[in-house]
Amino acid sequence: MALHPICGCCNSQLTRQTHHLEPVEKRPDLALAWDNLAPVCTACHARCNALERRGEATAQLFAGFIRRPQFGGLD
């Protein structure tokens, strides 16, 4: 969250949580993968979780968000 202090979904609120684009229940192998994590505010995380409960994908909500931080040659 220190690298991405603003919600990757609404781009307006402070990040409070991290959302797994592919749910851990479906893809435990991606639980800590940078490309599967997105910073979210509490409201957007609730919205994402509601979509997933209905069987809908959430990755499209983060289309403009650069997921993987760049560390000058270390990535």
PDB file of N, CA and C in Angstrom:
ATOM      1  N   MET A   1       0.816  -1.183   0.000  1.00  0.00           N
ATOM      2  CA  MET A   1       0.000   0.000   0.000  1.00  0.00           C
ATOM      3  C   MET A   1       0.867   1.256   0.000  1.00  0.00           C
ATOM      4  N   ALA A   2       2.061   1.147   0.507  1.00  0.00           N
ATOM      5  CA  ALA A   2       2.955   2.303   0.481  1.00  0.00           C
ATOM      6  C   ALA A   2       3.334   2.661  -0.952  1.00  0.00           C
ATOM      7  N   LEU A   3       3.442   1.655  -1.823  1.00  0.00           N
ATOM      8  CA  LEU A   3       3.778   1.912  -3.225  1.00  0.00           C
ATOM      9  C   LEU A   3       2.597   2.463  -4.011  1.00  0.00           C
ATOM     10  N   HIS A   4       1.387   2.109  -3.597  1.00  0.00           N
ATOM     11  CA  HIS A   4       0.169   2.527  -4.288  1.00  0.00           C
ATOM     12  C   HIS A   4      -0.830   3.039  -3.255  1.00  0.00           C
ATOM     13  N   PRO A   5      -0.686   4.296  -2.800  1.00  0.00           N
ATOM     14  CA  PRO A   5      -1.557   4.804  -1.738  1.00  0.00           C
ATOM     15  C   PRO A   5      -2.977   5.138  -2.180  1.00  0.00           C
ATOM     16  N   ILE A   6      -3.231   5.193  -3.489  1.00  0.00           N
ATOM     17  CA  ILE A   6      -4.562   5.517  -3.999  1.00  0.00           C
ATOM     18  C   ILE A   6      -5.196   4.262  -4.601  1.00  0.00           C
ATOM     19  N   CYS A   7      -6.486   4.099  -4.361  1.00  0.00           N
ATOM     20  CA  CYS A   7      -7.240   2.942  -4.847  1.00  0.00           C
ATOM     21  C   CYS A   7      -7.046   2.751  -6.349  1.00  0.00           C
ATOM     22  N   GLY A   8      -6.707   1.540  -6.749  1.00  0.00           N
ATOM     23  CA  GLY A   8      -6.502   1.216  -8.155  1.00  0.00           C
ATOM     24  C   GLY A   8      -7.791   1.058  -8.931  1.00  0.00           C
ATOM     25  N   CYS A   9      -8.923   1.109  -8.246  1.00  0.00           N
ATOM     26  CA  CYS A   9     -10.218   0.959  -8.902  1.00  0.00           C
ATOM     27  C   CYS A   9     -10.857   2.326  -9.157  1.00  0.00           C
ATOM     28  N   CYS A  10     -11.078   3.110  -8.095  1.00  0.00           N
ATOM     29  CA  CYS A  10     -11.736   4.413  -8.246  1.00  0.00           C
ATOM     30  C   CYS A  10     -10.751   5.563  -8.436  1.00  0.00           C
ATOM     31  N   ASN A  11      -9.490   5.332  -8.119  1.00  0.00           N
ATOM     32  CA  ASN A  11      -8.442   6.351  -8.255  1.00  0.00           C
ATOM     33  C   ASN A  11      -8.725   7.631  -7.485  1.00  0.00           C
ATOM     34  N   SER A  12      -9.474   7.522  -6.379  1.00  0.00           N
ATOM     35  CA  SER A  12      -9.769   8.736  -5.623  1.00  0.00           C
ATOM     36  C   SER A  12      -9.625   8.569  -4.116  1.00  0.00           C
ATOM     37  N   GLN A  13      -9.786   7.371  -3.620  1.00  0.00           N
ATOM     38  CA  GLN A  13      -9.728   7.141  -2.180  1.00  0.00           C
ATOM     39  C   GLN A  13      -8.389   6.527  -1.791  1.00  0.00           C
ATOM     40  N   LEU A  14      -8.051   6.661  -0.515  1.00  0.00           N
ATOM     41  CA  LEU A  14      -6.833   6.029  -0.015  1.00  0.00           C
ATOM     42  C   LEU A  14      -6.995   4.520   0.022  1.00  0.00           C
ATOM     43  N   THR A  15      -5.924   3.835  -0.283  1.00  0.00           N
ATOM     44  CA  THR A  15      -5.906   2.377  -0.233  1.00  0.00           C
ATOM     45  C   THR A  15      -5.995   1.916   1.214  1.00  0.00           C
ATOM     46  N   ARG A  16      -6.873   0.984   1.463  1.00  0.00           N
ATOM     47  CA  ARG A  16      -7.019   0.408   2.798  1.00  0.00           C
ATOM     48  C   ARG A  16      -6.825  -1.104   2.805  1.00  0.00           C
ATOM     49  N   GLN A  17      -7.006  -1.727   1.634  1.00  0.00           N
ATOM     50  CA  GLN A  17      -6.962  -3.183   1.545  1.00  0.00           C
ATOM     51  C   GLN A  17      -6.321  -3.594   0.225  1.00  0.00           C
ATOM     52  N   THR A  18      -6.094  -4.879   0.071  1.00  0.00           N
ATOM     53  CA  THR A  18      -5.562  -5.425  -1.177  1.00  0.00           C
ATOM     54  C   THR A  18      -6.556  -6.445  -1.716  1.00  0.00           C
ATOM     55  N   HIS A  19      -6.862  -6.332  -2.993  1.00  0.00           N
ATOM     56  CA  HIS A  19      -7.804  -7.242  -3.636  1.00  0.00           C
ATOM     57  C   HIS A  19      -7.049  -8.236  -4.506  1.00  0.00           C
ATOM     58  N   HIS A  20      -7.447  -9.495  -4.454  1.00  0.00           N
ATOM     59  CA  HIS A  20      -6.893 -10.533  -5.331  1.00  0.00           C
ATOM     60  C   HIS A  20      -7.755 -10.585  -6.589  1.00  0.00           C
ATOM     61  N   LEU A  21      -7.170 -10.278  -7.733  1.00  0.00           N
ATOM     62  CA  LEU A  21      -7.926 -10.287  -8.981  1.00  0.00           C
ATOM     63  C   LEU A  21      -8.455 -11.682  -9.292  1.00  0.00           C
ATOM     64  N   GLU A  22      -7.626 -12.679  -9.101  1.00  0.00           N
ATOM     65  CA  GLU A  22      -8.065 -14.080  -9.159  1.00  0.00           C
ATOM     66  C   GLU A  22      -8.222 -14.514  -7.709  1.00  0.00           C
ATOM     67  N   PRO A  23      -9.425 -14.864  -7.274  1.00  0.00           N
ATOM     68  CA  PRO A  23      -9.644 -15.211  -5.868  1.00  0.00           C
ATOM     69  C   PRO A  23      -8.706 -16.319  -5.380  1.00  0.00           C
ATOM     70  N   VAL A  24      -8.263 -16.179  -4.150  1.00  0.00           N
ATOM     71  CA  VAL A  24      -7.355 -17.158  -3.546  1.00  0.00           C
ATOM     72  C   VAL A  24      -8.001 -18.541  -3.521  1.00  0.00           C
ATOM     73  N   GLU A  25      -9.313 -18.582  -3.357  1.00  0.00           N
ATOM     74  CA  GLU A  25     -10.009 -19.872  -3.331  1.00  0.00           C
ATOM     75  C   GLU A  25      -9.846 -20.621  -4.652  1.00  0.00           C
ATOM     76  N   LYS A  26      -9.813 -19.873  -5.755  1.00  0.00           N
ATOM     77  CA  LYS A  26      -9.658 -20.491  -7.075  1.00  0.00           C
ATOM     78  C   LYS A  26      -8.201 -20.681  -7.462  1.00  0.00           C
ATOM     79  N   ARG A  27      -7.342 -19.727  -7.088  1.00  0.00           N
ATOM     80  CA  ARG A  27      -5.938 -19.753  -7.494  1.00  0.00           C
ATOM     81  C   ARG A  27      -5.022 -19.465  -6.308  1.00  0.00           C
ATOM     82  N   PRO A  28      -4.889 -20.403  -5.364  1.00  0.00           N
ATOM     83  CA  PRO A  28      -4.010 -20.175  -4.214  1.00  0.00           C
ATOM     84  C   PRO A  28      -2.558 -19.948  -4.616  1.00  0.00           C
ATOM     85  N   ASP A  29      -2.169 -20.439  -5.792  1.00  0.00           N
ATOM     86  CA  ASP A  29      -0.796 -20.240  -6.263  1.00  0.00           C
ATOM     87  C   ASP A  29      -0.506 -18.775  -6.599  1.00  0.00           C
ATOM     88  N   LEU A  30      -1.539 -17.970  -6.775  1.00  0.00           N
ATOM     89  CA  LEU A  30      -1.371 -16.555  -7.100  1.00  0.00           C
ATOM     90  C   LEU A  30      -1.615 -15.635  -5.903  1.00  0.00           C
ATOM     91  N   ALA A  31      -1.722 -16.211  -4.726  1.00  0.00           N
ATOM     92  CA  ALA A  31      -2.062 -15.425  -3.534  1.00  0.00           C
ATOM     93  C   ALA A  31      -1.125 -14.250  -3.306  1.00  0.00           C
ATOM     94  N   LEU A  32       0.158 -14.409  -3.588  1.00  0.00           N
ATOM     95  CA  LEU A  32       1.128 -13.339  -3.354  1.00  0.00           C
ATOM     96  C   LEU A  32       1.786 -12.829  -4.634  1.00  0.00           C
ATOM     97  N   ALA A  33       1.218 -13.175  -5.769  1.00  0.00           N
ATOM     98  CA  ALA A  33       1.770 -12.726  -7.051  1.00  0.00           C
ATOM     99  C   ALA A  33       1.409 -11.258  -7.282  1.00  0.00           C
ATOM    100  N   TRP A  34       2.426 -10.416  -7.563  1.00  0.00           N
ATOM    101  CA  TRP A  34       2.194  -8.986  -7.788  1.00  0.00           C
ATOM    102  C   TRP A  34       1.097  -8.750  -8.817  1.00  0.00           C
ATOM    103  N   ASP A  35       1.102  -9.503  -9.902  1.00  0.00           N
ATOM    104  CA  ASP A  35       0.142  -9.290 -10.979  1.00  0.00           C
ATOM    105  C   ASP A  35      -1.283  -9.673 -10.601  1.00  0.00           C
ATOM    106  N   ASN A  36      -1.460 -10.287  -9.450  1.00  0.00           N
ATOM    107  CA  ASN A  36      -2.787 -10.673  -8.995  1.00  0.00           C
ATOM    108  C   ASN A  36      -3.289  -9.780  -7.867  1.00  0.00           C
ATOM    109  N   LEU A  37      -2.507  -8.808  -7.460  1.00  0.00           N
ATOM    110  CA  LEU A  37      -2.879  -7.943  -6.341  1.00  0.00           C
ATOM    111  C   LEU A  37      -3.175  -6.533  -6.819  1.00  0.00           C
ATOM    112  N   ALA A  38      -4.183  -5.917  -6.223  1.00  0.00           N
ATOM    113  CA  ALA A  38      -4.518  -4.534  -6.552  1.00  0.00           C
ATOM    114  C   ALA A  38      -4.907  -3.806  -5.269  1.00  0.00           C
ATOM    115  N   PRO A  39      -4.390  -2.582  -5.075  1.00  0.00           N
ATOM    116  CA  PRO A  39      -4.751  -1.803  -3.895  1.00  0.00           C
ATOM    117  C   PRO A  39      -6.160  -1.239  -4.060  1.00  0.00           C
ATOM    118  N   VAL A  40      -6.959  -1.330  -3.014  1.00  0.00           N
ATOM    119  CA  VAL A  40      -8.336  -0.835  -3.088  1.00  0.00           C
ATOM    120  C   VAL A  40      -8.743  -0.127  -1.804  1.00  0.00           C
ATOM    121  N   CYS A  41      -9.696   0.782  -1.943  1.00  0.00           N
ATOM    122  CA  CYS A  41     -10.313   1.387  -0.769  1.00  0.00           C
ATOM    123  C   CYS A  41     -11.368   0.396  -0.257  1.00  0.00           C
ATOM    124  N   THR A  42     -11.887   0.650   0.910  1.00  0.00           N
ATOM    125  CA  THR A  42     -12.856  -0.265   1.516  1.00  0.00           C
ATOM    126  C   THR A  42     -14.110  -0.408   0.656  1.00  0.00           C
ATOM    127  N   ALA A  43     -14.619   0.696   0.115  1.00  0.00           N
ATOM    128  CA  ALA A  43     -15.845   0.648  -0.693  1.00  0.00           C
ATOM    129  C   ALA A  43     -15.645  -0.162  -1.972  1.00  0.00           C
ATOM    130  N   CYS A  44     -14.542   0.062  -2.650  1.00  0.00           N
ATOM    131  CA  CYS A  44     -14.286  -0.679  -3.889  1.00  0.00           C
ATOM    132  C   CYS A  44     -14.040  -2.159  -3.619  1.00  0.00           C
ATOM    133  N   HIS A  45     -13.410  -2.468  -2.489  1.00  0.00           N
ATOM    134  CA  HIS A  45     -13.180  -3.878  -2.167  1.00  0.00           C
ATOM    135  C   HIS A  45     -14.509  -4.583  -1.936  1.00  0.00           C
ATOM    136  N   ALA A  46     -15.438  -3.915  -1.259  1.00  0.00           N
ATOM    137  CA  ALA A  46     -16.768  -4.496  -1.053  1.00  0.00           C
ATOM    138  C   ALA A  46     -17.464  -4.708  -2.398  1.00  0.00           C
ATOM    139  N   ARG A  47     -17.325  -3.747  -3.299  1.00  0.00           N
ATOM    140  CA  ARG A  47     -17.913  -3.863  -4.641  1.00  0.00           C
ATOM    141  C   ARG A  47     -17.303  -5.032  -5.408  1.00  0.00           C
ATOM    142  N   CYS A  48     -15.986  -5.173  -5.345  1.00  0.00           N
ATOM    143  CA  CYS A  48     -15.300  -6.282  -6.024  1.00  0.00           C
ATOM    144  C   CYS A  48     -15.754  -7.629  -5.472  1.00  0.00           C
ATOM    145  N   ASN A  49     -15.831  -7.722  -4.159  1.00  0.00           N
ATOM    146  CA  ASN A  49     -16.252  -8.981  -3.542  1.00  0.00           C
ATOM    147  C   ASN A  49     -17.689  -9.328  -3.912  1.00  0.00           C
ATOM    148  N   ALA A  50     -18.562  -8.321  -4.007  1.00  0.00           N
ATOM    149  CA  ALA A  50     -19.948  -8.568  -4.410  1.00  0.00           C
ATOM    150  C   ALA A  50     -20.008  -9.089  -5.846  1.00  0.00           C
ATOM    151  N   LEU A  51     -19.209  -8.509  -6.726  1.00  0.00           N
ATOM    152  CA  LEU A  51     -19.157  -8.990  -8.113  1.00  0.00           C
ATOM    153  C   LEU A  51     -18.691 -10.438  -8.172  1.00  0.00           C
ATOM    154  N   GLU A  52     -17.663 -10.763  -7.404  1.00  0.00           N
ATOM    155  CA  GLU A  52     -17.139 -12.135  -7.403  1.00  0.00           C
ATOM    156  C   GLU A  52     -18.160 -13.125  -6.862  1.00  0.00           C
ATOM    157  N   ARG A  53     -18.929 -12.717  -5.863  1.00  0.00           N
ATOM    158  CA  ARG A  53     -19.969 -13.614  -5.330  1.00  0.00           C
ATOM    159  C   ARG A  53     -21.014 -13.928  -6.394  1.00  0.00           C
ATOM    160  N   ARG A  54     -21.213 -12.994  -7.327  1.00  0.00           N
ATOM    161  CA  ARG A  54     -22.158 -13.218  -8.432  1.00  0.00           C
ATOM    162  C   ARG A  54     -21.500 -13.930  -9.607  1.00  0.00           C
ATOM    163  N   GLY A  55     -20.231 -14.282  -9.450  1.00  0.00           N
ATOM    164  CA  GLY A  55     -19.515 -14.990 -10.504  1.00  0.00           C
ATOM    165  C   GLY A  55     -18.938 -14.092 -11.582  1.00  0.00           C
ATOM    166  N   GLU A  56     -18.873 -12.785 -11.317  1.00  0.00           N
ATOM    167  CA  GLU A  56     -18.351 -11.839 -12.300  1.00  0.00           C
ATOM    168  C   GLU A  56     -16.883 -11.542 -12.036  1.00  0.00           C
ATOM    169  N   ALA A  57     -16.143 -11.283 -13.091  1.00  0.00           N
ATOM    170  CA  ALA A  57     -14.720 -10.951 -12.980  1.00  0.00           C
ATOM    171  C   ALA A  57     -14.552  -9.514 -12.496  1.00  0.00           C
ATOM    172  N   THR A  58     -13.397  -9.230 -11.902  1.00  0.00           N
ATOM    173  CA  THR A  58     -13.123  -7.880 -11.406  1.00  0.00           C
ATOM    174  C   THR A  58     -11.915  -7.236 -12.075  1.00  0.00           C
ATOM    175  N   ALA A  59     -11.142  -7.988 -12.817  1.00  0.00           N
ATOM    176  CA  ALA A  59      -9.909  -7.456 -13.408  1.00  0.00           C
ATOM    177  C   ALA A  59     -10.170  -6.233 -14.281  1.00  0.00           C
ATOM    178  N   GLN A  60     -11.320  -6.179 -14.967  1.00  0.00           N
ATOM    179  CA  GLN A  60     -11.613  -5.047 -15.843  1.00  0.00           C
ATOM    180  C   GLN A  60     -11.728  -3.737 -15.069  1.00  0.00           C
ATOM    181  N   LEU A  61     -12.022  -3.795 -13.786  1.00  0.00           N
ATOM    182  CA  LEU A  61     -12.118  -2.585 -12.967  1.00  0.00           C
ATOM    183  C   LEU A  61     -10.757  -1.928 -12.773  1.00  0.00           C
ATOM    184  N   PHE A  62      -9.703  -2.689 -13.011  1.00  0.00           N
ATOM    185  CA  PHE A  62      -8.343  -2.206 -12.790  1.00  0.00           C
ATOM    186  C   PHE A  62      -7.557  -2.091 -14.092  1.00  0.00           C
ATOM    187  N   ALA A  63      -8.246  -1.940 -15.202  1.00  0.00           N
ATOM    188  CA  ALA A  63      -7.601  -1.944 -16.519  1.00  0.00           C
ATOM    189  C   ALA A  63      -6.499  -0.897 -16.653  1.00  0.00           C
ATOM    190  N   GLY A  64      -6.659   0.268 -16.060  1.00  0.00           N
ATOM    191  CA  GLY A  64      -5.656   1.319 -16.185  1.00  0.00           C
ATOM    192  C   GLY A  64      -4.601   1.303 -15.109  1.00  0.00           C
ATOM    193  N   PHE A  65      -4.703   0.373 -14.184  1.00  0.00           N
ATOM    194  CA  PHE A  65      -3.781   0.322 -13.054  1.00  0.00           C
ATOM    195  C   PHE A  65      -2.548  -0.504 -13.398  1.00  0.00           C
ATOM    196  N   ILE A  66      -1.362   0.049 -13.176  1.00  0.00           N
ATOM    197  CA  ILE A  66      -0.115  -0.692 -13.380  1.00  0.00           C
ATOM    198  C   ILE A  66       0.123  -1.507 -12.122  1.00  0.00           C
ATOM    199  N   ARG A  67      -0.031  -2.818 -12.226  1.00  0.00           N
ATOM    200  CA  ARG A  67       0.005  -3.673 -11.044  1.00  0.00           C
ATOM    201  C   ARG A  67       1.398  -3.875 -10.459  1.00  0.00           C
ATOM    202  N   ARG A  68       2.358  -4.126 -11.302  1.00  0.00           N
ATOM    203  CA  ARG A  68       3.682  -4.487 -10.799  1.00  0.00           C
ATOM    204  C   ARG A  68       4.539  -3.239 -10.618  1.00  0.00           C
ATOM    205  N   PRO A  69       5.016  -2.992  -9.410  1.00  0.00           N
ATOM    206  CA  PRO A  69       5.883  -1.829  -9.210  1.00  0.00           C
ATOM    207  C   PRO A  69       7.201  -2.016  -9.946  1.00  0.00           C
ATOM    208  N   GLN A  70       7.755  -0.937 -10.405  1.00  0.00           N
ATOM    209  CA  GLN A  70       9.023  -0.975 -11.126  1.00  0.00           C
ATOM    210  C   GLN A  70      10.142  -0.562 -10.183  1.00  0.00           C
ATOM    211  N   PHE A  71      11.165  -1.362 -10.081  1.00  0.00           N
ATOM    212  CA  PHE A  71      12.269  -1.113  -9.169  1.00  0.00           C
ATOM    213  C   PHE A  71      13.592  -0.983  -9.907  1.00  0.00           C
ATOM    214  N   GLY A  72      13.616  -0.283 -11.001  1.00  0.00           N
ATOM    215  CA  GLY A  72      14.854  -0.012 -11.710  1.00  0.00           C
ATOM    216  C   GLY A  72      15.742  -1.207 -11.969  1.00  0.00           C
ATOM    217  N   GLY A  73      15.239  -2.198 -12.685  1.00  0.00           N
ATOM    218  CA  GLY A  73      16.048  -3.343 -13.070  1.00  0.00           C
ATOM    219  C   GLY A  73      15.960  -4.534 -12.139  1.00  0.00           C
ATOM    220  N   LEU A  74      15.272  -4.398 -11.036  1.00  0.00           N
ATOM    221  CA  LEU A  74      15.154  -5.525 -10.112  1.00  0.00           C
ATOM    222  C   LEU A  74      13.927  -6.372 -10.380  1.00  0.00           C
ATOM    223  N   ASP A  75      13.065  -5.958 -11.285  1.00  0.00           N
ATOM    224  CA  ASP A  75      11.834  -6.704 -11.512  1.00  0.00           C
ATOM    225  C   ASP A  75      11.944  -7.661 -12.624  1.00  0.00           C
TER     226      ASP A  75
END
